[in-house]
Amino acid sequence: KAEVQGLEEHLNRYRQAEKVQEHSQKNALASLQKQNDHLRESLRRSEDDMSKLMEENRQFKDLIKSMFPREHVELLERDLQKTNLLLIKVQNKWQQAMKQMGKTSRQSSGDHTPRPDWDLIVNQTCPGANVPPGTTAERAAFIATMLGGLLPDNVPKKTIRKASEQNKENFFEGLGTGPEVPKYLRFKGKVRNRNISKRDTEMMIKDIWKNKAKHDKKLSDKGKGPENMHEFLYVYFQAKHGNFQNVIVENAMNLLEGVKRYVDDADVEMFGLILDGELDEEVYTDQLSMLERLLVHFERTDAEENHGKLSGSLGTEVFERALRKFFSNKVDERLDELMESISEEHPNGVPLSDGKVVYKKLFDEDREFNQGPFAEGVRDQMVDEREEFVSDIEAAIQLLTGNNPDPSCATAAQIKKALLDVDPKKPLKDVNKYLQRGFQQTAQPKDNESIEIDTFLLFLKQGVLKRSSKPKSEAERKL
């Protein structure tokens, strides 16, 4: 009986515990169900909010489209392009003024102070302006300020010209430390003018090109494009002189002064034009490559004439034949000029002797890095031929746009036809490259897309320009 009572008590306790556990499970389940319901409600609200946001986003896009239709955006883009052209024209006028002041100074002689032709400068840059009386420096400052004031504040004035015009005997004045000043020129205060020689100027330029080629090769290996020359110059001077900004600026400003002073040299002038943004770096590398290929062409001809051996010279007739083969698109007048130059004095003597041309002498430089008449003639002709090519393209475009609503503008189709009229043998891929460069686009412009002729030519001539067809001679042009 006692055992039965004990079992009954144990059973009652078990049942009571079971009821407590069941109640706890029901409460827990109810709590989970409540949490689940809360999560479902939160998810539903989030979905509603997302739907509202998507609808608001769609309405906002529709509003933007209605406020700024595509036609309006294209119009604004064309206006921006015209503004950029005006900006570049103003910059070019400012540069022309600086060059004119430099030319008039060089043309003056004797002990008197050079007096620029102020009327000529004003007529070429700011027609109608009146230069106030005063000293030469005051008048030059007036014109420079007047032209510079036409540019936006955030546009750097021509760095080379600005650094050059501040030459005050033994010192330059720093250009400041603002963001518009390139890093390699940021400095306040006086900077020593070392009046570097032409030789030192050219040595520095050659070293810059050499180091930039290595620098760009490293970037290319990493899948990156070449660095802008202004950005590289800081890297270059920092590598040469450490983190001493005053030393970096001193060397940089003396280089720029040398570029201005020795602008008559082909290498120096091209470096300045590249810094000014008027030429792409590829123009320099293309010219350098052309001279190297010309020398290799003479060596190959030499080997062919001497059973695989190099004699170092070519007979006059063989040399002329090789020259004409290499420059198959040159007019006879220019080839005759180059042939005449081989009998002139070069850095290491006259190349022509006893009916033979020592062709390597044609490419030698003297200690001042001056090339002889032949190499200088080849490079000068490249410049002249570029200008003639651009002039012919401009004339051909204008012939096709005379009946346009706006004759100062041309379509891509008209420009393409003009390019092929001037240069019939030009490969189509090169024609398309010229179009993309002139329109400043990475894709092929549409045939009906229009652009100002001056704008197109301005961008076109910044890069490499070559004829694939022989142009008309001087006599044919006059006819």
Foldseek 3Di string as FASTA:
>chain_A
DVVVVVVVVVVVVVVVVVVVVVVVVVVVVVVVVVVVVVVVVVVVVVVVVVVVVVVVVVVVVVVVCVVQPPVNVVVVVQVVLVVVLVQVVLLVLLVVLLVQVVVQQVVDDDDDHGDGPVVVSCVSHPPPDDQDDDDRLNSNVVVNCVSVVVHDPLAARLPLSVLQNQDDPFWGAQPAQDPNDQQLRHDGDIAGQPLDDLLVLVVVLVVLVVVQVVVQVVCVVVVHGRDQSSNVLVVVLCVVPNPPSSSSNNVVSNSSNSLSVPCVAPSSVVVSCSSSLQAPVQQVVVLVVLVVVLVVLVQVLQCVVVVRDHPQKDFLVSVLVSVCVSPVQEDPVLSVQLSVQQQDAWQVGRQDDPRIGSVVSQADAHSSRDGGPNSVSVSVVQVVVLVVLLVQLLVQLLVVQVPPPDSQKGFLLSSLVSNCVQAVPDDPVVSQVLQCQLVVHPDRDDRRDMHGSSSSSSRSSNYDDDGPHHGDDPVVVVD
